[in-house]
Amino acid sequence: MREYDEETLHHLQRVERMIFKDFIDTCEKYNLRYFGIGGTGIGALRHKGFIPWDDDIDVALPAEDFHKLLEIYDREWSDKYNIINTERDINYPFPTTRIMLNGTQFCEEALATLPLDLGIFLDVYCFDNVSDDEREYKKQVNDTWFWSHMRILVDVPHPVILADGIKGKLLRAGVVVGRGICKLFRVSTRKMYAREQEARNRYAHVKTKRIAYMNDTYKWKETYFFDDIFPVRKLEYEGMMVAFPRDLEHQLELLYGDYMQLPPVEKRKNHYPARLDFGPY
């Protein structure tokens, strides 16, 4: 699979930095709580910016702030940005929301055959309230995770499966079986999305101690007490001061182990998208 040349990757990172700065300025203007996560956190701690071979930025907000953010972007940024998620376009199969730069194109291979108009983007994660009762919490996460992953398996023509060997074969077989079951019982994308949303939002109007992103591969590892995140701390990222969880190091260790250790050269991979156009940028 084709990788980025250095010039193209740096160009992409510069454009994404601009998108990120607009996002930060908007959050600070309206007192919205946001925090960098995942590889963006590793980048801040290890490189004071992008992981050198990385091509995206990941940020998160509690659900209350997340929904306010989308309203603000619709009202104030529609000339420059477009927002996509499954709520707005049922053909979009991923559980994240993308703030996309108008006039650009960025479409991964996995989405290339879907009827989507995708641009260079900022990946935004919504962290929802989860039950304080452990049994109800596990049911909520399991339900959300199951239906969101069923949507991806059914709707993405060629989902990326990172596992090799027997595990990879089993997962690929699971894709075929899952699609067959959904077709047999006529479970549509809209039905799966409705069930996912029902699970995610069970405690939307309840004050809970924890919030979680329940759709990711890690499943249980992205559940945090509010005190694990807030008050946020500011770290340098590409010359900007960016908010990150108060307990960032511990969170990254749970997800990645020794995150400060550079991976072997052969694992420092990126994948050039099926379509990339910087437009006027």
C-alpha atoms as a PDB file:
ATOM      1  CA  MET A   1       0.000   0.000   0.000  1.00  0.00           C
ATOM      2  CA  ARG A   2       1.310   3.442  -0.943  1.00  0.00           C
ATOM      3  CA  GLU A   3       2.729   5.674   1.800  1.00  0.00           C
ATOM      4  CA  TYR A   4       3.085   9.455   1.969  1.00  0.00           C
ATOM      5  CA  ASP A   5       6.139  11.194   0.647  1.00  0.00           C
ATOM      6  CA  GLU A   6       7.610  13.618   3.185  1.00  0.00           C
ATOM      7  CA  GLU A   7       6.461  16.792   1.400  1.00  0.00           C
ATOM      8  CA  THR A   8       2.835  15.654   1.098  1.00  0.00           C
ATOM      9  CA  LEU A   9       2.674  14.483   4.715  1.00  0.00           C
ATOM     10  CA  HIS A  10       4.051  17.792   6.010  1.00  0.00           C
ATOM     11  CA  HIS A  11       1.562  19.691   3.832  1.00  0.00           C
ATOM     12  CA  LEU A  12      -1.292  17.613   5.255  1.00  0.00           C
ATOM     13  CA  GLN A  13      -0.095  18.176   8.818  1.00  0.00           C
ATOM     14  CA  ARG A  14       0.043  21.955   8.249  1.00  0.00           C
ATOM     15  CA  VAL A  15      -3.545  21.987   6.996  1.00  0.00           C
ATOM     16  CA  GLU A  16      -4.700  19.844   9.916  1.00  0.00           C
ATOM     17  CA  ARG A  17      -2.948  22.184  12.333  1.00  0.00           C
ATOM     18  CA  MET A  18      -5.000  25.058  10.874  1.00  0.00           C
ATOM     19  CA  ILE A  19      -8.222  23.082  11.360  1.00  0.00           C
ATOM     20  CA  PHE A  20      -7.159  22.258  14.916  1.00  0.00           C
ATOM     21  CA  LYS A  21      -6.403  25.899  15.723  1.00  0.00           C
ATOM     22  CA  ASP A  22      -9.865  26.986  14.553  1.00  0.00           C
ATOM     23  CA  PHE A  23     -11.341  24.243  16.737  1.00  0.00           C
ATOM     24  CA  ILE A  24      -9.347  25.327  19.809  1.00  0.00           C
ATOM     25  CA  ASP A  25     -10.231  28.991  19.277  1.00  0.00           C
ATOM     26  CA  THR A  26     -13.915  28.053  19.050  1.00  0.00           C
ATOM     27  CA  CYS A  27     -13.819  25.921  22.205  1.00  0.00           C
ATOM     28  CA  GLU A  28     -12.032  28.649  24.158  1.00  0.00           C
ATOM     29  CA  LYS A  29     -14.398  31.350  22.905  1.00  0.00           C
ATOM     30  CA  TYR A  30     -17.453  29.402  24.087  1.00  0.00           C
ATOM     31  CA  ASN A  31     -15.887  27.714  27.147  1.00  0.00           C
ATOM     32  CA  LEU A  32     -16.305  24.226  25.726  1.00  0.00           C
ATOM     33  CA  ARG A  33     -14.372  21.465  27.458  1.00  0.00           C
ATOM     34  CA  TYR A  34     -12.147  19.558  25.033  1.00  0.00           C
ATOM     35  CA  PHE A  35      -9.063  17.371  25.392  1.00  0.00           C
ATOM     36  CA  GLY A  36      -6.575  15.709  23.049  1.00  0.00           C
ATOM     37  CA  ILE A  37      -6.507  11.908  23.096  1.00  0.00           C
ATOM     38  CA  GLY A  38      -4.688   8.893  21.672  1.00  0.00           C
ATOM     39  CA  GLY A  39      -1.828   9.516  19.290  1.00  0.00           C
ATOM     40  CA  THR A  40      -2.289  13.256  19.688  1.00  0.00           C
ATOM     41  CA  GLY A  41      -1.440  12.872  23.377  1.00  0.00           C
ATOM     42  CA  ILE A  42       1.621  10.778  22.555  1.00  0.00           C
ATOM     43  CA  GLY A  43       2.652  13.403  20.024  1.00  0.00           C
ATOM     44  CA  ALA A  44       2.408  16.179  22.609  1.00  0.00           C
ATOM     45  CA  LEU A  45       4.456  14.334  25.238  1.00  0.00           C
ATOM     46  CA  ARG A  46       7.034  12.774  22.950  1.00  0.00           C
ATOM     47  CA  HIS A  47       7.366  15.219  20.038  1.00  0.00           C
ATOM     48  CA  LYS A  48       5.582  18.444  21.092  1.00  0.00           C
ATOM     49  CA  GLY A  49       3.431  17.970  18.001  1.00  0.00           C
ATOM     50  CA  PHE A  50       2.560  15.336  15.444  1.00  0.00           C
ATOM     51  CA  ILE A  51       4.049  11.900  15.704  1.00  0.00           C
ATOM     52  CA  PRO A  52       6.340  12.353  12.676  1.00  0.00           C
ATOM     53  CA  TRP A  53       4.594   9.749  10.504  1.00  0.00           C
ATOM     54  CA  ASP A  54       1.043  10.452  11.727  1.00  0.00           C
ATOM     55  CA  ASP A  55      -1.625  11.994   9.518  1.00  0.00           C
ATOM     56  CA  ASP A  56      -4.489  12.854  11.866  1.00  0.00           C
ATOM     57  CA  ILE A  57      -5.460  14.660  15.073  1.00  0.00           C
ATOM     58  CA  ASP A  58      -7.869  13.212  17.649  1.00  0.00           C
ATOM     59  CA  VAL A  59      -9.816  15.327  20.127  1.00  0.00           C
ATOM     60  CA  ALA A  60     -12.709  14.625  22.459  1.00  0.00           C
ATOM     61  CA  LEU A  61     -15.449  16.442  24.356  1.00  0.00           C
ATOM     62  CA  PRO A  62     -18.061  15.394  26.922  1.00  0.00           C
ATOM     63  CA  ALA A  63     -21.408  14.906  25.174  1.00  0.00           C
ATOM     64  CA  GLU A  64     -22.892  18.145  26.515  1.00  0.00           C
ATOM     65  CA  ASP A  65     -20.048  20.206  25.036  1.00  0.00           C
ATOM     66  CA  PHE A  66     -19.886  18.098  21.890  1.00  0.00           C
ATOM     67  CA  HIS A  67     -23.456  18.888  20.864  1.00  0.00           C
ATOM     68  CA  LYS A  68     -22.951  22.588  21.563  1.00  0.00           C
ATOM     69  CA  LEU A  69     -19.839  22.510  19.364  1.00  0.00           C
ATOM     70  CA  LEU A  70     -21.751  21.116  16.390  1.00  0.00           C
ATOM     71  CA  GLU A  71     -24.403  23.817  16.720  1.00  0.00           C
ATOM     72  CA  ILE A  72     -21.711  26.511  16.787  1.00  0.00           C
ATOM     73  CA  TYR A  73     -19.965  25.125  13.713  1.00  0.00           C
ATOM     74  CA  ASP A  74     -23.254  24.962  11.809  1.00  0.00           C
ATOM     75  CA  ARG A  75     -23.942  28.570  12.733  1.00  0.00           C
ATOM     76  CA  GLU A  76     -20.509  30.161  12.419  1.00  0.00           C
ATOM     77  CA  TRP A  77     -18.231  27.970  10.313  1.00  0.00           C
ATOM     78  CA  SER A  78     -20.411  26.591   7.496  1.00  0.00           C
ATOM     79  CA  ASP A  79     -18.514  28.614   4.875  1.00  0.00           C
ATOM     80  CA  LYS A  80     -15.230  26.903   5.808  1.00  0.00           C
ATOM     81  CA  TYR A  81     -16.144  23.566   7.365  1.00  0.00           C
ATOM     82  CA  ASN A  82     -18.624  20.748   6.919  1.00  0.00           C
ATOM     83  CA  ILE A  83     -19.475  18.211   9.615  1.00  0.00           C
ATOM     84  CA  ILE A  84     -20.168  14.562   8.958  1.00  0.00           C
ATOM     85  CA  ASN A  85     -21.281  11.726  11.211  1.00  0.00           C
ATOM     86  CA  THR A  86     -23.877   8.973  10.907  1.00  0.00           C
ATOM     87  CA  GLU A  87     -26.596  11.238  12.309  1.00  0.00           C
ATOM     88  CA  ARG A  88     -26.081  13.591   9.352  1.00  0.00           C
ATOM     89  CA  ASP A  89     -25.264  11.026   6.667  1.00  0.00           C
ATOM     90  CA  ILE A  90     -26.366   7.431   7.152  1.00  0.00           C
ATOM     91  CA  ASN A  91     -23.745   6.314   4.612  1.00  0.00           C
ATOM     92  CA  TYR A  92     -20.940   7.360   6.982  1.00  0.00           C
ATOM     93  CA  PRO A  93     -20.162   4.165   8.926  1.00  0.00           C
ATOM     94  CA  PHE A  94     -17.758   5.331  11.627  1.00  0.00           C
ATOM     95  CA  PRO A  95     -18.770   6.334  15.184  1.00  0.00           C
ATOM     96  CA  THR A  96     -16.586   9.453  15.152  1.00  0.00           C
ATOM     97  CA  THR A  97     -17.519  12.908  13.892  1.00  0.00           C
ATOM     98  CA  ARG A  98     -15.351  14.696  11.348  1.00  0.00           C
ATOM     99  CA  ILE A  99     -14.939  18.445  11.007  1.00  0.00           C
ATOM    100  CA  MET A 100     -13.969  18.632   7.330  1.00  0.00           C
ATOM    101  CA  LEU A 101     -12.356  21.506   5.455  1.00  0.00           C
ATOM    102  CA  ASN A 102     -14.449  22.653   2.500  1.00  0.00           C
ATOM    103  CA  GLY A 103     -12.731  22.568  -0.878  1.00  0.00           C
ATOM    104  CA  THR A 104     -10.490  19.617   0.017  1.00  0.00           C
ATOM    105  CA  GLN A 105     -10.663  15.852  -0.419  1.00  0.00           C
ATOM    106  CA  PHE A 106      -9.435  13.088   1.857  1.00  0.00           C
ATOM    107  CA  CYS A 107     -10.934   9.629   1.444  1.00  0.00           C
ATOM    108  CA  GLU A 108      -9.405   6.461   2.841  1.00  0.00           C
ATOM    109  CA  GLU A 109      -9.314   3.271   0.776  1.00  0.00           C
ATOM    110  CA  ALA A 110     -11.895   1.635   3.061  1.00  0.00           C
ATOM    111  CA  LEU A 111     -14.464   4.335   2.227  1.00  0.00           C
ATOM    112  CA  ALA A 112     -13.600   4.920  -1.428  1.00  0.00           C
ATOM    113  CA  THR A 113     -16.639   3.121  -2.859  1.00  0.00           C
ATOM    114  CA  LEU A 114     -19.191   4.699  -0.509  1.00  0.00           C
ATOM    115  CA  PRO A 115     -21.288   7.706  -1.650  1.00  0.00           C
ATOM    116  CA  LEU A 116     -19.507  10.187   0.621  1.00  0.00           C
ATOM    117  CA  ASP A 117     -17.959  13.611   0.021  1.00  0.00           C
ATOM    118  CA  LEU A 118     -15.027  13.590   2.446  1.00  0.00           C
ATOM    119  CA  GLY A 119     -12.444  16.299   3.089  1.00  0.00           C
ATOM    120  CA  ILE A 120      -9.311  16.816   5.175  1.00  0.00           C
ATOM    121  CA  PHE A 121     -10.573  16.585   8.724  1.00  0.00           C
ATOM    122  CA  LEU A 122     -10.274  16.746  12.479  1.00  0.00           C
ATOM    123  CA  ASP A 123     -11.504  13.575  14.212  1.00  0.00           C
ATOM    124  CA  VAL A 124     -13.852  14.441  17.098  1.00  0.00           C
ATOM    125  CA  TYR A 125     -14.884  11.881  19.727  1.00  0.00           C
ATOM    126  CA  CYS A 126     -17.982  12.237  21.883  1.00  0.00           C
ATOM    127  CA  PHE A 127     -17.562  10.909  25.438  1.00  0.00           C
ATOM    128  CA  ASP A 128     -20.964   9.941  26.861  1.00  0.00           C
ATOM    129  CA  ASN A 129     -22.173   9.544  30.428  1.00  0.00           C
ATOM    130  CA  VAL A 130     -22.022   5.939  31.606  1.00  0.00           C
ATOM    131  CA  SER A 131     -23.761   4.239  34.493  1.00  0.00           C
ATOM    132  CA  ASP A 132     -22.231   4.262  37.965  1.00  0.00           C
ATOM    133  CA  ASP A 133     -23.701   0.788  38.459  1.00  0.00           C
ATOM    134  CA  GLU A 134     -21.088  -1.685  37.206  1.00  0.00           C
ATOM    135  CA  ARG A 135     -23.553  -4.184  35.784  1.00  0.00           C
ATOM    136  CA  GLU A 136     -25.501  -1.514  33.892  1.00  0.00           C
ATOM    137  CA  TYR A 137     -22.242   0.089  32.763  1.00  0.00           C
ATOM    138  CA  LYS A 138     -21.010  -3.157  31.191  1.00  0.00           C
ATOM    139  CA  LYS A 139     -24.328  -3.692  29.446  1.00  0.00           C
ATOM    140  CA  GLN A 140     -24.286  -0.122  28.111  1.00  0.00           C
ATOM    141  CA  VAL A 141     -20.739  -0.431  26.755  1.00  0.00           C
ATOM    142  CA  ASN A 142     -21.340  -3.889  25.275  1.00  0.00           C
ATOM    143  CA  ASP A 143     -24.521  -2.769  23.509  1.00  0.00           C
ATOM    144  CA  THR A 144     -22.942   0.402  22.121  1.00  0.00           C
ATOM    145  CA  TRP A 145     -19.793  -1.383  20.996  1.00  0.00           C
ATOM    146  CA  PHE A 146     -21.656  -4.260  19.370  1.00  0.00           C
ATOM    147  CA  TRP A 147     -24.016  -2.186  17.247  1.00  0.00           C
ATOM    148  CA  SER A 148     -21.393   0.338  16.161  1.00  0.00           C
ATOM    149  CA  HIS A 149     -19.056  -2.452  15.045  1.00  0.00           C
ATOM    150  CA  MET A 150     -21.854  -4.287  13.276  1.00  0.00           C
ATOM    151  CA  ARG A 151     -22.486  -1.127  11.263  1.00  0.00           C
ATOM    152  CA  ILE A 152     -18.836  -0.942  10.223  1.00  0.00           C
ATOM    153  CA  LEU A 153     -18.713  -4.626   9.277  1.00  0.00           C
ATOM    154  CA  VAL A 154     -21.866  -4.383   7.188  1.00  0.00           C
ATOM    155  CA  ASP A 155     -21.392  -0.957   5.605  1.00  0.00           C
ATOM    156  CA  VAL A 156     -17.640  -0.764   4.931  1.00  0.00           C
ATOM    157  CA  PRO A 157     -16.930  -2.870   1.813  1.00  0.00           C
ATOM    158  CA  HIS A 158     -13.361  -3.719   2.839  1.00  0.00           C
ATOM    159  CA  PRO A 159     -12.895  -3.059   6.574  1.00  0.00           C
ATOM    160  CA  VAL A 160      -9.290  -2.845   7.717  1.00  0.00           C
ATOM    161  CA  ILE A 161      -8.441  -5.883   9.858  1.00  0.00           C
ATOM    162  CA  LEU A 162      -5.043  -5.488  11.473  1.00  0.00           C
ATOM    163  CA  ALA A 163      -4.742  -8.989  12.908  1.00  0.00           C
ATOM    164  CA  ASP A 164      -2.725 -11.670  11.120  1.00  0.00           C
ATOM    165  CA  GLY A 165      -2.755 -15.458  11.176  1.00  0.00           C
ATOM    166  CA  ILE A 166      -5.623 -17.413  12.693  1.00  0.00           C
ATOM    167  CA  LYS A 167      -7.048 -14.373  14.489  1.00  0.00           C
ATOM    168  CA  GLY A 168      -7.152 -12.410  11.237  1.00  0.00           C
ATOM    169  CA  LYS A 169      -8.876 -15.285   9.432  1.00  0.00           C
ATOM    170  CA  LEU A 170     -11.446 -15.599  12.216  1.00  0.00           C
ATOM    171  CA  LEU A 171     -12.179 -11.875  12.121  1.00  0.00           C
ATOM    172  CA  ARG A 172     -12.583 -11.923   8.338  1.00  0.00           C
ATOM    173  CA  ALA A 173     -14.921 -14.892   8.650  1.00  0.00           C
ATOM    174  CA  GLY A 174     -16.844 -12.937  11.281  1.00  0.00           C
ATOM    175  CA  VAL A 175     -17.330 -10.114   8.788  1.00  0.00           C
ATOM    176  CA  VAL A 176     -18.910 -12.506   6.290  1.00  0.00           C
ATOM    177  CA  VAL A 177     -21.125 -14.128   8.943  1.00  0.00           C
ATOM    178  CA  GLY A 178     -22.193 -10.752  10.376  1.00  0.00           C
ATOM    179  CA  ARG A 179     -23.198  -9.458   6.962  1.00  0.00           C
ATOM    180  CA  GLY A 180     -25.114 -12.648   6.272  1.00  0.00           C
ATOM    181  CA  ILE A 181     -27.043 -12.452   9.549  1.00  0.00           C
ATOM    182  CA  CYS A 182     -27.987  -8.808   8.990  1.00  0.00           C
ATOM    183  CA  LYS A 183     -29.147  -9.572   5.460  1.00  0.00           C
ATOM    184  CA  LEU A 184     -31.118 -12.625   6.585  1.00  0.00           C
ATOM    185  CA  PHE A 185     -32.953 -10.753   9.346  1.00  0.00           C
ATOM    186  CA  ARG A 186     -33.174  -7.494   7.370  1.00  0.00           C
ATOM    187  CA  VAL A 187     -31.354  -5.468   9.993  1.00  0.00           C
ATOM    188  CA  SER A 188     -30.760  -2.136   8.265  1.00  0.00           C
ATOM    189  CA  THR A 189     -28.053   0.414   8.950  1.00  0.00           C
ATOM    190  CA  ARG A 190     -30.680   2.756  10.394  1.00  0.00           C
ATOM    191  CA  LYS A 191     -31.889   0.098  12.835  1.00  0.00           C
ATOM    192  CA  MET A 192     -28.350  -0.663  13.970  1.00  0.00           C
ATOM    193  CA  TYR A 193     -27.586   3.023  14.392  1.00  0.00           C
ATOM    194  CA  ALA A 194     -30.802   3.551  16.387  1.00  0.00           C
ATOM    195  CA  ARG A 195     -29.837   0.735  18.765  1.00  0.00           C
ATOM    196  CA  GLU A 196     -26.325   2.099  19.137  1.00  0.00           C
ATOM    197  CA  GLN A 197     -27.689   5.558  19.943  1.00  0.00           C
ATOM    198  CA  GLU A 198     -30.161   4.182  22.465  1.00  0.00           C
ATOM    199  CA  ALA A 199     -27.320   2.501  24.343  1.00  0.00           C
ATOM    200  CA  ARG A 200     -24.993   5.507  24.169  1.00  0.00           C
ATOM    201  CA  ASN A 201     -27.627   7.909  25.440  1.00  0.00           C
ATOM    202  CA  ARG A 202     -29.099   5.879  28.315  1.00  0.00           C
ATOM    203  CA  TYR A 203     -27.561   8.225  30.885  1.00  0.00           C
ATOM    204  CA  ALA A 204     -27.459  11.403  28.821  1.00  0.00           C
ATOM    205  CA  HIS A 205     -29.705  13.198  31.315  1.00  0.00           C
ATOM    206  CA  VAL A 206     -28.251  11.625  34.451  1.00  0.00           C
ATOM    207  CA  LYS A 207     -25.321  13.123  36.339  1.00  0.00           C
ATOM    208  CA  THR A 208     -22.752  10.325  36.491  1.00  0.00           C
ATOM    209  CA  LYS A 209     -19.190  10.074  37.771  1.00  0.00           C
ATOM    210  CA  ARG A 210     -17.711   8.734  34.546  1.00  0.00           C
ATOM    211  CA  ILE A 211     -17.721   9.357  30.816  1.00  0.00           C
ATOM    212  CA  ALA A 212     -16.628   6.962  28.084  1.00  0.00           C
ATOM    213  CA  TYR A 213     -15.982   6.533  24.400  1.00  0.00           C
ATOM    214  CA  MET A 214     -17.600   3.137  23.956  1.00  0.00           C
ATOM    215  CA  ASN A 215     -17.052   2.502  20.251  1.00  0.00           C
ATOM    216  CA  ASP A 216     -13.306   2.021  20.010  1.00  0.00           C
ATOM    217  CA  THR A 217     -11.243  -1.148  19.737  1.00  0.00           C
ATOM    218  CA  TYR A 218     -10.174  -0.784  23.369  1.00  0.00           C
ATOM    219  CA  LYS A 219     -13.791  -0.909  24.563  1.00  0.00           C
ATOM    220  CA  TRP A 220     -13.250  -0.768  28.352  1.00  0.00           C
ATOM    221  CA  LYS A 221     -10.053   1.281  28.399  1.00  0.00           C
ATOM    222  CA  GLU A 222     -11.586   4.608  27.414  1.00  0.00           C
ATOM    223  CA  THR A 223     -13.795   5.090  30.450  1.00  0.00           C
ATOM    224  CA  TYR A 224     -12.674   7.877  32.760  1.00  0.00           C
ATOM    225  CA  PHE A 225     -13.782   9.556  35.932  1.00  0.00           C
ATOM    226  CA  PHE A 226     -14.211  13.284  35.428  1.00  0.00           C
ATOM    227  CA  ASP A 227     -11.359  13.785  37.894  1.00  0.00           C
ATOM    228  CA  ASP A 228      -9.073  11.811  35.553  1.00  0.00           C
ATOM    229  CA  ILE A 229      -9.582  14.469  32.885  1.00  0.00           C
ATOM    230  CA  PHE A 230     -10.505  17.739  34.539  1.00  0.00           C
ATOM    231  CA  PRO A 231      -9.085  20.182  35.229  1.00  0.00           C
ATOM    232  CA  VAL A 232      -7.204  19.751  31.963  1.00  0.00           C
ATOM    233  CA  ARG A 233      -3.539  20.621  31.562  1.00  0.00           C
ATOM    234  CA  LYS A 234      -2.002  22.524  28.663  1.00  0.00           C
ATOM    235  CA  LEU A 235       0.832  20.999  26.647  1.00  0.00           C
ATOM    236  CA  GLU A 236       2.681  22.304  23.624  1.00  0.00           C
ATOM    237  CA  TYR A 237       1.510  20.875  20.314  1.00  0.00           C
ATOM    238  CA  GLU A 238       2.822  22.276  17.015  1.00  0.00           C
ATOM    239  CA  GLY A 239       3.496  25.644  18.633  1.00  0.00           C
ATOM    240  CA  MET A 240       0.044  25.828  20.274  1.00  0.00           C
ATOM    241  CA  MET A 241      -0.956  25.245  23.877  1.00  0.00           C
ATOM    242  CA  VAL A 242      -3.498  22.443  23.794  1.00  0.00           C
ATOM    243  CA  ALA A 243      -5.710  20.924  26.518  1.00  0.00           C
ATOM    244  CA  PHE A 244      -5.069  17.319  27.538  1.00  0.00           C
ATOM    245  CA  PRO A 245      -6.422  15.126  30.360  1.00  0.00           C
ATOM    246  CA  ARG A 246      -4.946  15.815  33.779  1.00  0.00           C
ATOM    247  CA  ASP A 247      -3.954  12.141  34.050  1.00  0.00           C
ATOM    248  CA  LEU A 248      -2.753  11.808  30.432  1.00  0.00           C
ATOM    249  CA  GLU A 249       0.324   9.669  31.105  1.00  0.00           C
ATOM    250  CA  HIS A 250      -1.649   7.027  33.003  1.00  0.00           C
ATOM    251  CA  GLN A 251      -4.327   6.900  30.315  1.00  0.00           C
ATOM    252  CA  LEU A 252      -1.767   6.445  27.540  1.00  0.00           C
ATOM    253  CA  GLU A 253       0.035   3.739  29.499  1.00  0.00           C
ATOM    254  CA  LEU A 254      -3.221   1.787  29.845  1.00  0.00           C
ATOM    255  CA  LEU A 255      -3.838   2.054  26.112  1.00  0.00           C
ATOM    256  CA  TYR A 256      -0.364   1.633  24.656  1.00  0.00           C
ATOM    257  CA  GLY A 257       2.050   0.444  27.332  1.00  0.00           C
ATOM    258  CA  ASP A 258       5.447   2.179  27.032  1.00  0.00           C
ATOM    259  CA  TYR A 259       4.195   4.958  24.767  1.00  0.00           C
ATOM    260  CA  MET A 260       7.424   6.987  25.055  1.00  0.00           C
ATOM    261  CA  GLN A 261       9.387   4.219  23.336  1.00  0.00           C
ATOM    262  CA  LEU A 262       9.575   4.755  19.578  1.00  0.00           C
ATOM    263  CA  PRO A 263       8.213   1.762  17.646  1.00  0.00           C
ATOM    264  CA  PRO A 264      10.522  -0.159  15.299  1.00  0.00           C
ATOM    265  CA  VAL A 265      11.064   1.547  11.942  1.00  0.00           C
ATOM    266  CA  GLU A 266       9.002  -1.089  10.118  1.00  0.00           C
ATOM    267  CA  LYS A 267       5.973  -0.222  12.265  1.00  0.00           C
ATOM    268  CA  ARG A 268       6.124   3.525  11.627  1.00  0.00           C
ATOM    269  CA  LYS A 269       3.556   3.238   8.887  1.00  0.00           C
ATOM    270  CA  ASN A 270       0.974   5.470   7.300  1.00  0.00           C
ATOM    271  CA  HIS A 271      -1.301   4.889   4.343  1.00  0.00           C
ATOM    272  CA  TYR A 272      -1.879   7.343   1.524  1.00  0.00           C
ATOM    273  CA  PRO A 273      -5.626   7.856   1.017  1.00  0.00           C
ATOM    274  CA  ALA A 274      -7.500   6.834  -2.105  1.00  0.00           C
ATOM    275  CA  ARG A 275      -8.224  10.514  -2.775  1.00  0.00           C
ATOM    276  CA  LEU A 276      -6.295  13.549  -1.514  1.00  0.00           C
ATOM    277  CA  ASP A 277      -6.733  17.108  -2.767  1.00  0.00           C
ATOM    278  CA  PHE A 278      -5.588  20.192  -0.854  1.00  0.00           C
ATOM    279  CA  GLY A 279      -7.758  22.527  -2.931  1.00  0.00           C
ATOM    280  CA  PRO A 280      -6.846  26.178  -2.220  1.00  0.00           C
ATOM    281  CA  TYR A 281      -4.849  25.190   0.880  1.00  0.00           C
END
